[in-house]
Amino acid sequence: MVLKAPETVENSRSEPKKSVVCNHLRFTPDVWKVLNKTNTFAFSIIREPVSLFYSTFAYFKEDVAAFLKPNTPKEFFDNVGEYYVRGIDGFVEYNKTEKLRLKELRGKTSLWWLARNHQMFDFGFDAELENADEIYEAIEKIERNYDVILIMEYMMESLLILKDRLGWESFDDIAFIVMNANGKHKTRVKDTAVEEKIRSWNRADTLLYHHFNQTFFRYIKHNYGTTRMESDKLKLEKRLMEIRRFCINSRTETLAERKQLKAGQKVWSPKGANIVGYEMSKYGSEYDICRNLVRPELPYAQRLKIKQGNVKEYLPIYCVKDKGNFTVREVLQNLNLKSEDLPVLPVPVVTEEYLKTLDDNYWKYD
């Protein structure tokens, strides 16, 4: 889903003073109409384009129109002109109606930007940038708009830089476990020809990554300090091991295992993939840090939106007149339902106890 800023930020209905805006937003300079640029620390993270393309091809195989017919990236590039069709230019306004969103998803161009330079697209630029001068001009604009660009392949270093820049004191503030990993993932057979086609096809993303990879390590050397980085990495690794041993009982790598998880811990697994989940330990389930570590992004986003005040819009279960109980997903799929078919829902008092109930009531993915 592409969220259009600043409307998305404005519609959050959170308290007037916003301290953090952290979600999947496609950047637009208009976001500074909502946030005070002079007092805002802006950062983002990028991924190596070849690895990203393979991952996107597998994860969004059934959603990206360009990836529906080819079985492998090689097949895609063997006949890219047939499979890839450019979609709507600029922002895709899914936020108008869900009917428009689903109509677009069924079309020949659904999620078209995920098939080419989609990191550059997320930064607010044309996904089909090819001219070197225009690409470097875009990179310069990104460098002006962001205080730091992190690198996914160096997650430990990235989080330590973020902790340092934001003045966080504890390693617990940057504790993490790997989410959305494919349990069926096999070691990819290196195909140099296909990798070169990926880099050429995603030229803008390739130059973007090359530039910020260099600035990343330059920052470590001249600002953070190489010796300090190695020392802090060891400390962080030790703390992560302690937290994971306390919080996590086991990884779930099969459908049968995932079905045993509580609803709030279940992860969405696209067709053809087997996304790893985690079962919390008996003691870990009592602590917020553990629950937050294993909570998938959709329930996590729902939880945050409810805490910001979007209670009625994001309640997990809607009662539809004469049709029994529908989940949010089913309501969106049944677009023939009119808004007047939905009752006016009471707005509950948002307490920590109420939020915990969401973990057990959220979408039953499996």
Protein backbone atom coordinates (compact mmCIF):
# COMPACT_ATOMS: atom_id res chain seq x y z
CA MET A 1 0.00 0.00 0.00
CA VAL A 2 1.26 3.46 -0.83
CA LEU A 3 0.31 6.06 1.71
CA LYS A 4 0.15 9.59 0.40
CA ALA A 5 1.64 12.26 2.64
CA PRO A 6 0.80 14.73 4.04
CA GLU A 7 -2.87 13.71 3.99
CA THR A 8 -2.03 10.46 5.78
CA VAL A 9 -0.23 12.33 8.52
CA GLU A 10 -3.02 14.88 8.88
CA ASN A 11 -5.66 12.17 9.05
CA SER A 12 -3.93 10.39 11.93
CA ARG A 13 -5.97 12.53 14.36
CA SER A 14 -3.23 12.13 16.93
CA GLU A 15 -2.29 14.73 19.48
CA PRO A 16 -1.31 18.12 17.97
CA LYS A 17 2.37 17.68 18.86
CA LYS A 18 3.73 14.78 16.82
CA SER A 19 7.01 13.32 18.03
CA VAL A 20 7.46 10.47 15.53
CA VAL A 21 6.06 9.76 12.08
CA CYS A 22 7.26 6.27 11.20
CA ASN A 23 5.44 4.24 8.59
CA HIS A 24 5.56 3.37 4.92
CA LEU A 25 5.03 6.81 3.44
CA ARG A 26 5.96 7.75 -0.10
CA PHE A 27 7.92 10.95 0.35
CA THR A 28 6.62 14.26 -0.91
CA PRO A 29 7.94 17.72 0.02
CA ASP A 30 4.37 18.53 1.11
CA VAL A 31 5.03 16.50 4.26
CA TRP A 32 6.85 19.57 5.58
CA LYS A 33 3.49 21.36 5.58
CA VAL A 34 2.58 19.08 8.48
CA LEU A 35 5.96 18.63 10.15
CA ASN A 36 8.42 21.30 11.14
CA LYS A 37 11.40 20.56 8.91
CA THR A 38 13.88 22.53 11.02
CA ASN A 39 13.08 20.41 14.11
CA THR A 40 12.67 17.07 12.35
CA PHE A 41 15.25 14.29 12.13
CA ALA A 42 14.53 12.46 8.90
CA PHE A 43 15.97 9.05 8.06
CA SER A 44 15.24 6.13 5.79
CA ILE A 45 16.72 2.76 4.92
CA ILE A 46 17.57 1.16 1.58
CA ARG A 47 18.43 -2.34 0.36
CA GLU A 48 20.83 -3.77 -2.23
CA PRO A 49 18.83 -3.80 -5.52
CA VAL A 50 19.56 -7.38 -6.65
CA SER A 51 18.56 -8.84 -3.28
CA LEU A 52 15.53 -6.54 -3.15
CA PHE A 53 14.33 -7.54 -6.62
CA TYR A 54 14.49 -11.26 -5.85
CA SER A 55 12.70 -10.71 -2.55
CA THR A 56 10.00 -8.52 -4.12
CA PHE A 57 9.47 -11.03 -6.92
CA ALA A 58 8.82 -13.80 -4.38
CA TYR A 59 6.88 -11.83 -1.78
CA PHE A 60 4.60 -9.92 -4.17
CA LYS A 61 4.39 -12.59 -6.87
CA GLU A 62 0.59 -12.69 -6.74
CA ASP A 63 0.11 -8.92 -6.36
CA VAL A 64 2.38 -7.23 -8.89
CA ALA A 65 0.86 -7.55 -12.36
CA ALA A 66 4.30 -7.68 -14.00
CA PHE A 67 5.21 -10.75 -11.92
CA LEU A 68 2.04 -12.82 -12.41
CA LYS A 69 3.04 -14.73 -15.56
CA PRO A 70 6.83 -15.20 -15.36
CA ASN A 71 7.91 -17.93 -12.95
CA THR A 72 11.38 -16.53 -12.30
CA PRO A 73 13.20 -13.20 -12.62
CA LYS A 74 15.02 -14.69 -15.62
CA GLU A 75 11.71 -15.30 -17.40
CA PHE A 76 10.66 -11.76 -16.54
CA PHE A 77 13.74 -10.25 -18.17
CA ASP A 78 13.53 -12.57 -21.17
CA ASN A 79 10.29 -10.84 -22.14
CA VAL A 80 10.12 -7.74 -19.96
CA GLY A 81 8.28 -5.73 -22.63
CA GLU A 82 5.32 -8.10 -22.43
CA TYR A 83 5.10 -8.32 -18.65
CA TYR A 84 5.84 -4.78 -17.50
CA VAL A 85 3.34 -2.00 -18.12
CA ARG A 86 3.72 1.41 -16.53
CA GLY A 87 0.78 2.46 -14.41
CA ILE A 88 -0.55 5.78 -13.15
CA ASP A 89 2.08 8.50 -13.04
CA GLY A 90 2.85 10.05 -9.69
CA PHE A 91 0.96 9.09 -6.54
CA VAL A 92 -1.51 6.23 -6.74
CA GLU A 93 -4.46 7.56 -4.81
CA TYR A 94 -5.70 4.41 -3.10
CA ASN A 95 -6.94 6.50 -0.22
CA LYS A 96 -10.02 7.78 -2.12
CA THR A 97 -12.06 4.56 -2.11
CA GLU A 98 -11.28 0.93 -1.51
CA LYS A 99 -13.13 0.14 -4.75
CA LEU A 100 -10.57 2.13 -6.71
CA ARG A 101 -7.80 0.30 -4.89
CA LEU A 102 -9.14 -3.18 -5.72
CA LYS A 103 -9.92 -2.17 -9.31
CA GLU A 104 -6.30 -1.09 -9.70
CA LEU A 105 -5.04 -4.32 -8.14
CA ARG A 106 -6.92 -6.32 -10.75
CA GLY A 107 -5.51 -4.30 -13.62
CA LYS A 108 -2.51 -4.85 -15.81
CA THR A 109 -0.52 -2.25 -13.93
CA SER A 110 -1.22 -3.16 -10.32
CA LEU A 111 1.68 -2.18 -8.05
CA TRP A 112 3.69 -1.51 -11.19
CA TRP A 113 6.37 0.52 -9.39
CA LEU A 114 7.43 -2.54 -7.38
CA ALA A 115 8.81 -4.04 -10.59
CA ARG A 116 11.28 -1.24 -11.24
CA ASN A 117 13.30 1.21 -9.10
CA HIS A 118 10.75 1.09 -6.34
CA GLN A 119 13.11 2.57 -3.77
CA MET A 120 13.54 5.66 -5.90
CA PHE A 121 9.76 5.70 -6.34
CA ASP A 122 9.27 5.59 -2.56
CA PHE A 123 11.56 8.61 -2.25
CA GLY A 124 9.07 10.47 -4.44
CA PHE A 125 10.71 10.20 -7.88
CA ASP A 126 9.78 8.60 -11.18
CA ALA A 127 10.35 4.84 -11.14
CA GLU A 128 11.54 5.02 -14.73
CA LEU A 129 14.41 7.46 -14.20
CA GLU A 130 17.18 6.46 -16.62
CA ASN A 131 19.19 9.59 -17.37
CA ALA A 132 22.31 9.66 -15.16
CA ASP A 133 22.13 13.43 -14.57
CA GLU A 134 18.50 13.19 -13.47
CA ILE A 135 19.28 10.25 -11.19
CA TYR A 136 22.17 12.06 -9.49
CA GLU A 137 20.00 15.17 -9.15
CA ALA A 138 17.40 13.03 -7.37
CA ILE A 139 20.08 11.55 -5.11
CA GLU A 140 21.23 15.06 -4.17
CA LYS A 141 17.66 15.99 -3.24
CA ILE A 142 17.37 12.88 -1.08
CA GLU A 143 20.61 13.80 0.65
CA ARG A 144 19.21 17.26 1.42
CA ASN A 145 15.89 15.92 2.72
CA TYR A 146 17.29 13.22 5.00
CA ASP A 147 19.73 13.40 7.89
CA VAL A 148 20.89 9.84 7.38
CA ILE A 149 20.21 6.93 5.03
CA LEU A 150 20.68 3.52 6.62
CA ILE A 151 21.55 0.22 4.91
CA MET A 152 19.49 -2.93 5.44
CA GLU A 153 22.44 -5.27 4.82
CA TYR A 154 24.17 -3.62 7.79
CA MET A 155 21.25 -3.55 10.20
CA MET A 156 23.31 -3.66 13.38
CA GLU A 157 25.45 -0.73 12.29
CA SER A 158 22.38 1.14 11.07
CA LEU A 159 20.52 0.81 14.35
CA LEU A 160 23.56 1.84 16.35
CA ILE A 161 23.93 4.97 14.20
CA LEU A 162 20.23 5.71 14.70
CA LYS A 163 20.53 5.22 18.46
CA ASP A 164 23.50 7.57 18.52
CA ARG A 165 21.90 10.27 16.38
CA LEU A 166 18.64 10.26 18.34
CA GLY A 167 20.30 10.15 21.73
CA TRP A 168 18.76 6.88 22.89
CA GLU A 169 20.51 5.44 25.92
CA SER A 170 19.60 1.76 26.04
CA PHE A 171 20.30 -1.08 23.61
CA ASP A 172 16.74 -2.19 24.39
CA ASP A 173 15.56 0.81 22.35
CA ILE A 174 16.92 -0.86 19.20
CA ALA A 175 16.21 -4.50 20.05
CA PHE A 176 14.82 -6.49 17.11
CA ILE A 177 14.17 -9.89 15.63
CA VAL A 178 14.06 -10.64 11.90
CA MET A 179 10.48 -10.47 10.63
CA ASN A 180 9.03 -11.46 7.22
CA ALA A 181 11.83 -13.96 6.60
CA ASN A 182 10.93 -16.74 4.16
CA GLY A 183 11.34 -20.09 5.90
CA LYS A 184 11.38 -21.87 2.53
CA HIS A 185 14.10 -19.64 1.19
CA LYS A 186 16.88 -21.60 -0.45
CA THR A 187 20.33 -20.39 -1.26
CA ARG A 188 19.93 -18.64 -4.59
CA VAL A 189 22.07 -19.97 -7.40
CA LYS A 190 24.13 -17.03 -8.55
CA ASP A 191 23.24 -16.00 -12.09
CA THR A 192 25.55 -13.17 -13.11
CA ALA A 193 23.61 -12.42 -16.29
CA VAL A 194 20.31 -12.00 -14.44
CA GLU A 195 21.96 -9.91 -11.72
CA GLU A 196 23.37 -7.55 -14.33
CA LYS A 197 19.92 -7.23 -15.91
CA ILE A 198 18.44 -6.41 -12.50
CA ARG A 199 21.04 -3.68 -11.93
CA SER A 200 20.54 -2.27 -15.41
CA TRP A 201 16.73 -2.37 -15.17
CA ASN A 202 16.90 -0.78 -11.72
CA ARG A 203 19.63 1.69 -12.65
CA ALA A 204 18.29 4.48 -10.46
CA ASP A 205 18.10 2.20 -7.40
CA THR A 206 21.56 0.84 -8.15
CA LEU A 207 23.16 4.29 -8.24
CA LEU A 208 21.14 5.29 -5.18
CA TYR A 209 22.44 2.31 -3.22
CA HIS A 210 26.04 2.79 -4.38
CA HIS A 211 26.02 6.43 -3.30
CA PHE A 212 24.55 5.94 0.16
CA ASN A 213 26.55 2.80 0.81
CA GLN A 214 29.65 4.96 0.47
CA THR A 215 28.31 7.76 2.67
CA PHE A 216 27.25 5.18 5.27
CA PHE A 217 30.72 3.78 5.81
CA ARG A 218 32.29 7.20 5.50
CA TYR A 219 30.09 8.29 8.41
CA ILE A 220 31.15 5.29 10.51
CA LYS A 221 34.83 5.98 9.85
CA HIS A 222 34.86 9.74 10.39
CA ASN A 223 31.95 10.30 12.81
CA TYR A 224 30.93 7.22 14.76
CA GLY A 225 34.36 5.61 14.88
CA THR A 226 35.30 2.15 13.59
CA THR A 227 36.61 0.88 16.93
CA ARG A 228 33.57 2.17 18.79
CA MET A 229 31.27 0.56 16.21
CA GLU A 230 32.86 -2.87 16.63
CA SER A 231 32.65 -2.58 20.40
CA ASP A 232 29.00 -1.47 20.36
CA LYS A 233 28.07 -4.25 17.93
CA LEU A 234 29.36 -6.85 20.39
CA LYS A 235 27.37 -5.24 23.20
CA LEU A 236 24.23 -5.12 21.08
CA GLU A 237 24.61 -8.73 19.95
CA LYS A 238 24.95 -9.83 23.58
CA ARG A 239 21.85 -7.90 24.62
CA LEU A 240 19.83 -9.20 21.66
CA MET A 241 20.73 -12.76 22.59
CA GLU A 242 19.56 -12.16 26.17
CA ILE A 243 16.26 -10.65 25.02
CA ARG A 244 15.57 -13.36 22.45
CA ARG A 245 16.28 -16.15 24.92
CA PHE A 246 13.86 -14.57 27.38
CA CYS A 247 11.13 -13.62 24.89
CA ILE A 248 11.12 -16.34 22.25
CA ASN A 249 10.23 -19.97 22.76
CA SER A 250 10.58 -21.11 19.14
CA ARG A 251 10.39 -20.16 15.47
CA THR A 252 7.39 -21.34 13.45
CA GLU A 253 8.34 -22.35 9.94
CA THR A 254 5.34 -24.43 8.82
CA LEU A 255 1.65 -23.72 8.37
CA ALA A 256 0.76 -26.21 11.10
CA GLU A 257 3.09 -24.47 13.54
CA ARG A 258 1.77 -21.00 12.63
CA LYS A 259 -1.80 -22.09 13.31
CA GLN A 260 -0.86 -22.64 16.94
CA LEU A 261 0.10 -18.99 17.38
CA LYS A 262 -2.21 -16.44 18.90
CA ALA A 263 -3.87 -14.23 16.30
CA GLY A 264 -1.88 -11.16 17.25
CA GLN A 265 1.38 -13.04 16.62
CA LYS A 266 0.46 -14.51 13.24
CA VAL A 267 2.20 -13.25 10.15
CA TRP A 268 0.80 -12.93 6.66
CA SER A 269 2.35 -15.48 4.33
CA PRO A 270 1.87 -14.86 0.59
CA LYS A 271 1.27 -17.74 -1.81
CA GLY A 272 4.47 -19.61 -2.55
CA ALA A 273 6.23 -18.30 0.56
CA ASN A 274 6.37 -19.50 4.13
CA ILE A 275 6.99 -16.51 6.34
CA VAL A 276 8.59 -17.31 9.67
CA GLY A 277 6.73 -16.48 12.86
CA TYR A 278 7.66 -16.66 16.54
CA GLU A 279 6.08 -18.24 19.58
CA MET A 280 6.65 -16.24 22.74
CA SER A 281 7.93 -17.88 25.88
CA LYS A 282 5.68 -18.22 28.93
CA TYR A 283 7.44 -15.37 30.69
CA GLY A 284 8.01 -13.25 27.60
CA SER A 285 4.28 -12.99 26.90
CA GLU A 286 3.94 -10.86 30.03
CA TYR A 287 6.31 -8.13 28.82
CA ASP A 288 5.65 -5.37 26.28
CA ILE A 289 9.13 -5.54 24.80
CA CYS A 290 8.56 -9.21 23.88
CA ARG A 291 5.04 -8.70 22.57
CA ASN A 292 6.23 -5.82 20.41
CA LEU A 293 9.15 -7.83 19.03
CA VAL A 294 6.90 -10.58 17.63
CA ARG A 295 3.90 -8.43 16.68
CA PRO A 296 3.56 -8.33 12.85
CA GLU A 297 3.42 -4.97 11.12
CA LEU A 298 -0.32 -4.94 10.36
CA PRO A 299 -1.48 -5.55 13.96
CA TYR A 300 1.28 -3.18 15.09
CA ALA A 301 0.05 -0.43 12.75
CA GLN A 302 -3.54 -1.02 13.86
CA ARG A 303 -2.49 -0.75 17.50
CA LEU A 304 -0.70 2.55 16.90
CA LYS A 305 -3.61 4.02 14.94
CA ILE A 306 -6.05 3.14 17.69
CA LYS A 307 -3.78 4.73 20.30
CA GLN A 308 -3.78 7.86 18.12
CA GLY A 309 -7.56 8.02 18.13
CA ASN A 310 -8.71 6.04 15.04
CA VAL A 311 -10.71 3.61 17.15
CA LYS A 312 -13.87 3.32 15.08
CA GLU A 313 -12.03 3.10 11.77
CA TYR A 314 -9.65 0.36 12.85
CA LEU A 315 -11.69 -1.87 15.13
CA PRO A 316 -10.85 -5.48 14.23
CA ILE A 317 -14.44 -6.72 13.92
CA TYR A 318 -17.33 -4.92 12.24
CA CYS A 319 -20.93 -6.07 12.70
CA VAL A 320 -22.76 -5.79 9.36
CA LYS A 321 -26.57 -5.65 9.36
CA ASP A 322 -28.23 -8.96 8.41
CA LYS A 323 -24.90 -10.47 7.45
CA GLY A 324 -23.40 -11.59 10.74
CA ASN A 325 -19.87 -10.72 11.74
CA PHE A 326 -17.30 -9.72 9.15
CA THR A 327 -13.61 -9.15 9.59
CA VAL A 328 -12.11 -5.90 8.28
CA ARG A 329 -10.68 -7.79 5.31
CA GLU A 330 -14.06 -9.23 4.39
CA VAL A 331 -15.71 -5.84 4.65
CA LEU A 332 -13.19 -4.37 2.21
CA GLN A 333 -13.67 -7.27 -0.18
CA ASN A 334 -17.44 -6.88 -0.15
CA LEU A 335 -17.44 -3.46 -1.78
CA ASN A 336 -21.09 -3.71 -2.67
CA LEU A 337 -21.82 -2.97 0.98
CA LYS A 338 -22.78 0.63 1.58
CA SER A 339 -21.54 2.64 4.50
CA GLU A 340 -25.04 2.85 5.93
CA ASP A 341 -24.99 -0.95 6.33
CA LEU A 342 -22.36 -0.50 9.02
CA PRO A 343 -23.65 0.49 12.44
CA VAL A 344 -22.28 3.46 14.30
CA LEU A 345 -19.68 1.86 16.52
CA PRO A 346 -19.12 3.07 20.07
CA VAL A 347 -15.69 4.52 20.75
CA PRO A 348 -14.19 2.57 23.67
CA VAL A 349 -11.78 4.08 26.13
CA VAL A 350 -8.34 3.13 24.84
CA THR A 351 -6.51 1.47 27.69
CA GLU A 352 -3.54 -0.89 27.72
CA GLU A 353 -5.95 -3.69 28.67
CA TYR A 354 -8.11 -2.91 25.64
CA LEU A 355 -5.11 -2.84 23.33
CA LYS A 356 -3.99 -6.25 24.54
CA THR A 357 -7.34 -7.72 23.48
CA LEU A 358 -6.55 -6.70 19.91
CA ASP A 359 -3.72 -9.22 19.80
CA ASP A 360 -6.24 -12.04 20.15
CA ASN A 361 -8.92 -10.54 17.89
CA TYR A 362 -6.86 -9.42 14.90
CA TRP A 363 -7.18 -11.04 11.46
CA LYS A 364 -6.90 -14.82 11.50
CA TYR A 365 -4.40 -15.07 8.66
CA ASP A 366 -4.27 -18.84 8.56
